[in-house]
Amino acid sequence: MNEFWTDIVNFLNNENIWILIRAFVLIVMGIVFAKLISAALIKLAGNKMDNHRLMLLKRGSYYLIFILFLISSLRELGFNLSILLGAAGVFTVAIGFASQTSASNLISGLFLVAERPFTIGDIIRVGTTTGEVLSIDLLSVKLRTFDNLFVRIPNESLIKSEVTTLTRFPIRRVDVLVGVAYKEDLKKVRATLDEVANKNPLCLEEPKPLYVFLSFGESSLDIQYSVWAKRENFLDLKNSIHEEIKNAFDENGIEIPFPHRTIYTGIETKPFPVTSIDNKQPDK
């Protein structure tokens, strides 16, 4: 029994054990302090930064404080930090040569952070992909599409391609392209469109609706009618106003024509009718 307690005392008197304990305590303290300080910084800057910058602030402060405590722990264990830093530098250069694509994405990510073309929660369109921004990391941007798919886009691709931020501004414009028959009175058509816009509660009074005569089409007079809506009402207005215009045209007798084709047999001849032969009985 006395030998057991003697071994315990000798174990506790061993200086190396206390060094390990102190190093372990420093690491635990680093994790705790990093979480507390990063959370405090987020609270202080909550109303002054967007979600993207808050995320970067939280991660940056956490890792910075934890690395400081980790360095103190390594020094407590007797590591020569100058040798470690030199090895880390060589390792970083080797990784850089081995992963040039990642380095390019990393640099592109820094440009995205500085330029801020969009932020977390925005709806963006990149090529044929449209979705909500979930996160903006140093290597890629994560999106969730409207059909609930997860899409990862490398930062380098975002820098090189055209990116459209659909939720950048508080209002959006809905463009309605419609064609009416050549026989229709354009003043009546415009008055009908204005009436539809005035009755729709989602249409904004300012900016005013825009009426543009586009062209004399092959079978119709082509018109663009544009109305404005709040960003959150864009899809609802786009769906409702097309249906309302169709109903209003039907009520007012305004024709939306099908494509027409007229066939001539010669310069001096009159047009002749074309009769379908679907119902013609086959020859016996």
Protein backbone atom coordinates (compact mmCIF):
# COMPACT_ATOMS: atom_id res chain seq x y z
CA MET A 1 0.00 0.00 0.00
CA ASN A 2 2.83 2.37 0.86
CA GLU A 3 4.49 1.62 -2.46
CA PHE A 4 1.26 2.61 -4.30
CA TRP A 5 1.12 6.02 -2.64
CA THR A 6 4.84 6.45 -3.20
CA ASP A 7 4.34 5.91 -6.93
CA ILE A 8 1.48 8.43 -6.95
CA VAL A 9 3.64 11.06 -5.25
CA ASN A 10 6.54 10.44 -7.62
CA PHE A 11 4.14 10.69 -10.58
CA LEU A 12 2.79 14.02 -9.37
CA ASN A 13 6.31 15.33 -8.67
CA ASN A 14 7.31 14.62 -12.25
CA GLU A 15 7.71 18.00 -13.95
CA ASN A 16 6.73 16.64 -17.37
CA ILE A 17 3.28 15.71 -16.10
CA TRP A 18 2.59 19.24 -14.94
CA ILE A 19 3.84 20.59 -18.27
CA LEU A 20 1.33 18.37 -20.09
CA ILE A 21 -1.45 19.45 -17.75
CA ARG A 22 -0.66 23.14 -18.26
CA ALA A 23 -0.56 22.68 -22.04
CA PHE A 24 -3.91 20.88 -21.98
CA VAL A 25 -5.45 23.60 -19.79
CA LEU A 26 -4.23 26.28 -22.21
CA ILE A 27 -5.91 24.53 -25.15
CA VAL A 28 -9.20 24.18 -23.24
CA MET A 29 -9.01 27.83 -22.19
CA GLY A 30 -8.35 28.79 -25.81
CA ILE A 31 -11.50 27.03 -27.00
CA VAL A 32 -13.63 28.59 -24.27
CA PHE A 33 -12.26 32.13 -24.65
CA ALA A 34 -12.46 31.94 -28.46
CA LYS A 35 -16.16 31.06 -28.31
CA LEU A 36 -16.94 33.74 -25.72
CA ILE A 37 -15.04 36.55 -27.45
CA SER A 38 -16.32 35.70 -30.94
CA ALA A 39 -19.91 35.61 -29.62
CA ALA A 40 -19.39 38.98 -27.89
CA LEU A 41 -18.04 40.54 -31.09
CA ILE A 42 -21.06 39.27 -33.03
CA LYS A 43 -23.41 40.91 -30.53
CA LEU A 44 -21.54 44.22 -30.67
CA ALA A 45 -21.47 44.33 -34.48
CA GLY A 46 -24.87 42.72 -35.09
CA ASN A 47 -26.59 45.85 -36.42
CA LYS A 48 -23.58 47.23 -38.29
CA MET A 49 -22.67 44.30 -40.59
CA ASP A 50 -24.46 41.94 -42.94
CA ASN A 51 -24.63 38.18 -42.40
CA HIS A 52 -21.59 37.49 -44.56
CA ARG A 53 -19.28 39.83 -42.66
CA LEU A 54 -20.63 38.63 -39.33
CA MET A 55 -19.74 35.08 -40.31
CA LEU A 56 -16.21 36.12 -41.33
CA LEU A 57 -15.79 38.09 -38.09
CA LYS A 58 -16.93 35.14 -36.00
CA ARG A 59 -14.66 32.64 -37.72
CA GLY A 60 -11.67 34.98 -37.88
CA SER A 61 -11.81 35.99 -34.21
CA TYR A 62 -12.36 32.39 -33.08
CA TYR A 63 -9.41 30.95 -34.99
CA LEU A 64 -7.12 33.87 -34.12
CA ILE A 65 -7.69 33.50 -30.37
CA PHE A 66 -7.47 29.72 -30.51
CA ILE A 67 -4.17 29.85 -32.46
CA LEU A 68 -2.68 32.21 -29.87
CA PHE A 69 -3.53 29.80 -27.05
CA LEU A 70 -2.28 26.88 -29.17
CA ILE A 71 1.07 28.62 -29.67
CA SER A 72 1.31 29.18 -25.90
CA SER A 73 0.55 25.51 -25.34
CA LEU A 74 3.26 24.44 -27.78
CA ARG A 75 5.78 26.73 -26.09
CA GLU A 76 4.81 25.20 -22.76
CA LEU A 77 5.65 21.78 -24.23
CA GLY A 78 9.07 23.05 -25.28
CA PHE A 79 8.59 23.26 -29.05
CA ASN A 80 10.84 25.64 -30.98
CA LEU A 81 8.32 27.88 -32.73
CA SER A 82 10.83 29.23 -35.26
CA ILE A 83 11.38 25.71 -36.60
CA LEU A 84 7.63 25.10 -36.71
CA LEU A 85 7.02 28.34 -38.58
CA GLY A 86 9.72 27.49 -41.09
CA ALA A 87 8.24 24.05 -41.65
CA ALA A 88 4.80 25.57 -41.99
CA GLY A 89 6.10 27.98 -44.63
CA VAL A 90 7.66 25.20 -46.68
CA PHE A 91 4.50 23.13 -46.33
CA THR A 92 2.36 26.09 -47.46
CA VAL A 93 4.49 26.63 -50.58
CA ALA A 94 4.27 22.93 -51.44
CA ILE A 95 0.50 22.93 -51.00
CA GLY A 96 0.26 26.07 -53.14
CA PHE A 97 2.06 24.45 -56.06
CA ALA A 98 0.05 21.25 -55.68
CA SER A 99 -3.33 23.00 -55.60
CA GLN A 100 -3.26 25.99 -57.91
CA THR A 101 -7.02 25.74 -58.47
CA SER A 102 -7.70 26.05 -54.75
CA ALA A 103 -5.33 29.02 -54.56
CA SER A 104 -7.18 30.68 -57.43
CA ASN A 105 -10.52 30.08 -55.69
CA LEU A 106 -9.08 31.47 -52.46
CA ILE A 107 -7.93 34.69 -54.13
CA SER A 108 -11.27 34.97 -55.94
CA GLY A 109 -13.04 34.53 -52.60
CA LEU A 110 -11.13 37.50 -51.20
CA PHE A 111 -12.23 39.59 -54.19
CA LEU A 112 -15.86 38.56 -53.58
CA VAL A 113 -15.57 39.58 -49.93
CA ALA A 114 -14.16 42.98 -50.90
CA GLU A 115 -16.56 43.65 -53.78
CA ARG A 116 -19.73 42.28 -52.10
CA PRO A 117 -21.85 41.70 -55.24
CA PHE A 118 -24.27 39.69 -53.07
CA THR A 119 -24.68 38.52 -49.49
CA ILE A 120 -26.12 35.57 -47.61
CA GLY A 121 -29.86 35.28 -48.24
CA ASP A 122 -29.78 36.96 -51.67
CA ILE A 123 -31.19 35.26 -54.76
CA ILE A 124 -28.60 35.14 -57.56
CA ARG A 125 -28.46 33.73 -61.08
CA VAL A 126 -25.21 32.27 -62.42
CA GLY A 127 -25.59 30.94 -65.94
CA THR A 128 -28.61 28.64 -65.86
CA THR A 129 -28.54 28.22 -62.06
CA THR A 130 -30.74 30.38 -59.82
CA GLY A 131 -30.91 29.99 -56.06
CA GLU A 132 -30.57 31.45 -52.57
CA VAL A 133 -27.07 32.08 -51.21
CA LEU A 134 -26.51 29.84 -48.17
CA SER A 135 -22.85 30.63 -47.49
CA ILE A 136 -19.92 32.51 -49.00
CA ASP A 137 -16.71 30.67 -48.20
CA LEU A 138 -13.14 31.26 -49.25
CA LEU A 139 -13.23 28.51 -51.89
CA SER A 140 -16.85 28.42 -53.06
CA VAL A 141 -20.38 29.77 -52.74
CA LYS A 142 -23.21 27.44 -51.76
CA LEU A 143 -26.70 27.90 -53.24
CA ARG A 144 -30.10 26.33 -52.66
CA THR A 145 -32.20 26.29 -55.81
CA PHE A 146 -35.97 26.73 -55.91
CA ASP A 147 -36.42 22.97 -56.36
CA ASN A 148 -34.39 22.46 -53.15
CA LEU A 149 -31.11 21.34 -54.70
CA PHE A 150 -27.72 22.14 -53.17
CA VAL A 151 -25.29 23.74 -55.64
CA ARG A 152 -21.62 24.54 -55.01
CA ILE A 153 -20.06 27.13 -57.32
CA PRO A 154 -16.27 27.74 -57.17
CA ASN A 155 -15.33 31.35 -56.52
CA GLU A 156 -13.17 31.43 -59.64
CA SER A 157 -16.24 30.69 -61.78
CA LEU A 158 -18.15 33.55 -60.13
CA ILE A 159 -15.35 36.02 -60.83
CA LYS A 160 -15.14 35.00 -64.50
CA SER A 161 -18.87 34.79 -65.27
CA GLU A 162 -21.87 37.11 -65.20
CA VAL A 163 -23.71 37.06 -61.86
CA THR A 164 -27.19 38.58 -61.53
CA THR A 165 -28.40 39.47 -58.03
CA LEU A 166 -32.19 39.31 -58.22
CA THR A 167 -32.80 40.67 -54.71
CA ARG A 168 -30.31 43.53 -54.74
CA PHE A 169 -32.95 46.28 -54.92
CA PRO A 170 -36.29 46.57 -53.08
CA ILE A 171 -38.46 46.65 -56.25
CA ARG A 172 -38.46 44.68 -59.51
CA ARG A 173 -40.07 45.13 -62.91
CA VAL A 174 -42.41 42.62 -64.55
CA ASP A 175 -42.28 42.73 -68.35
CA VAL A 176 -45.39 41.46 -70.15
CA LEU A 177 -44.96 40.79 -73.87
CA VAL A 178 -48.26 40.64 -75.73
CA GLY A 179 -49.35 40.74 -79.35
CA VAL A 180 -52.71 42.07 -80.62
CA ALA A 181 -54.34 41.80 -84.02
CA TYR A 182 -53.67 44.48 -86.64
CA LYS A 183 -57.34 45.48 -86.61
CA GLU A 184 -57.28 46.51 -82.93
CA ASP A 185 -57.31 50.12 -81.70
CA LEU A 186 -54.00 50.63 -79.84
CA LYS A 187 -55.52 53.37 -77.67
CA LYS A 188 -58.12 50.91 -76.45
CA VAL A 189 -55.43 48.28 -75.89
CA ARG A 190 -53.35 50.68 -73.81
CA ALA A 191 -56.38 51.81 -71.78
CA THR A 192 -57.23 48.17 -71.05
CA LEU A 193 -53.69 47.42 -69.88
CA ASP A 194 -53.68 50.50 -67.63
CA GLU A 195 -56.99 49.43 -66.14
CA VAL A 196 -55.60 45.98 -65.32
CA ALA A 197 -52.55 47.54 -63.63
CA ASN A 198 -54.68 49.95 -61.61
CA LYS A 199 -56.90 47.14 -60.30
CA ASN A 200 -54.02 44.87 -59.30
CA PRO A 201 -53.01 45.69 -55.68
CA LEU A 202 -49.50 44.33 -56.20
CA CYS A 203 -48.65 46.90 -58.90
CA LEU A 204 -46.83 49.97 -57.62
CA GLU A 205 -48.08 53.42 -58.59
CA GLU A 206 -44.51 54.67 -58.70
CA PRO A 207 -42.65 53.96 -60.92
CA LYS A 208 -45.54 54.18 -63.34
CA PRO A 209 -46.33 51.32 -65.75
CA LEU A 210 -44.35 51.44 -68.98
CA TYR A 211 -46.02 50.99 -72.39
CA VAL A 212 -43.69 50.28 -75.33
CA PHE A 213 -44.72 49.49 -78.92
CA LEU A 214 -42.06 47.02 -80.03
CA SER A 215 -42.68 46.20 -83.68
CA PHE A 216 -45.01 45.23 -86.49
CA GLY A 217 -44.84 41.46 -86.16
CA GLU A 218 -45.66 38.88 -88.79
CA SER A 219 -49.12 38.25 -87.33
CA SER A 220 -49.54 40.86 -84.61
CA LEU A 221 -48.68 44.26 -83.22
CA ASP A 222 -46.08 43.47 -80.56
CA ILE A 223 -46.28 45.42 -77.29
CA GLN A 224 -44.33 45.41 -74.04
CA TYR A 225 -46.19 46.45 -70.91
CA SER A 226 -44.04 46.71 -67.77
CA VAL A 227 -45.22 47.12 -64.18
CA TRP A 228 -43.31 47.36 -60.91
CA ALA A 229 -43.72 45.38 -57.70
CA LYS A 230 -42.01 44.97 -54.37
CA ARG A 231 -39.31 42.33 -54.42
CA GLU A 232 -41.28 39.89 -52.29
CA ASN A 233 -44.37 40.25 -54.54
CA PHE A 234 -42.59 39.73 -57.86
CA LEU A 235 -43.66 36.14 -58.55
CA ASP A 236 -47.24 36.72 -57.38
CA LEU A 237 -47.61 39.72 -59.68
CA LYS A 238 -45.99 37.95 -62.63
CA ASN A 239 -48.46 35.08 -62.32
CA SER A 240 -51.57 37.17 -61.72
CA ILE A 241 -51.16 39.97 -64.25
CA HIS A 242 -50.87 37.67 -67.27
CA GLU A 243 -54.14 36.00 -66.36
CA GLU A 244 -55.83 39.35 -65.73
CA ILE A 245 -54.69 40.75 -69.09
CA LYS A 246 -56.04 37.69 -70.89
CA ASN A 247 -59.41 38.05 -69.16
CA ALA A 248 -59.55 41.79 -69.83
CA PHE A 249 -58.78 41.31 -73.53
CA ASP A 250 -61.56 38.71 -73.78
CA GLU A 251 -64.06 41.02 -72.08
CA ASN A 252 -63.17 43.94 -74.37
CA GLY A 253 -63.05 41.88 -77.55
CA ILE A 254 -59.33 42.43 -78.13
CA GLU A 255 -57.86 39.62 -80.20
CA ILE A 256 -54.54 37.95 -79.42
CA PRO A 257 -53.91 36.41 -82.86
CA PHE A 258 -52.41 33.12 -83.88
CA PRO A 259 -49.71 33.20 -86.57
CA HIS A 260 -51.21 33.85 -90.04
CA ARG A 261 -49.90 32.71 -93.41
CA THR A 262 -51.17 33.85 -96.82
CA ILE A 263 -50.22 31.80 -99.91
CA TYR A 264 -50.02 33.31 -103.41
CA THR A 265 -49.66 31.42 -106.67
CA GLY A 266 -48.21 34.38 -108.49
CA ILE A 267 -47.73 38.12 -108.45
CA GLU A 268 -50.97 38.96 -110.27
CA THR A 269 -53.21 36.29 -108.74
CA LYS A 270 -55.55 36.61 -105.80
CA PRO A 271 -55.09 34.60 -102.60
CA PHE A 272 -56.90 31.27 -102.67
CA PRO A 273 -58.37 29.42 -99.66
CA VAL A 274 -56.71 26.34 -98.26
CA THR A 275 -59.09 23.51 -97.35
CA SER A 276 -58.17 20.76 -94.95
CA ILE A 277 -58.39 17.25 -96.38
CA ASP A 278 -58.44 15.48 -93.03
CA ASN A 279 -62.10 14.52 -93.49
CA LYS A 280 -61.79 13.48 -97.15
CA GLN A 281 -62.62 9.85 -97.76
CA PRO A 282 -59.82 7.84 -99.33
CA ASP A 283 -60.30 6.71 -102.90
CA LYS A 284 -61.54 3.16 -103.28
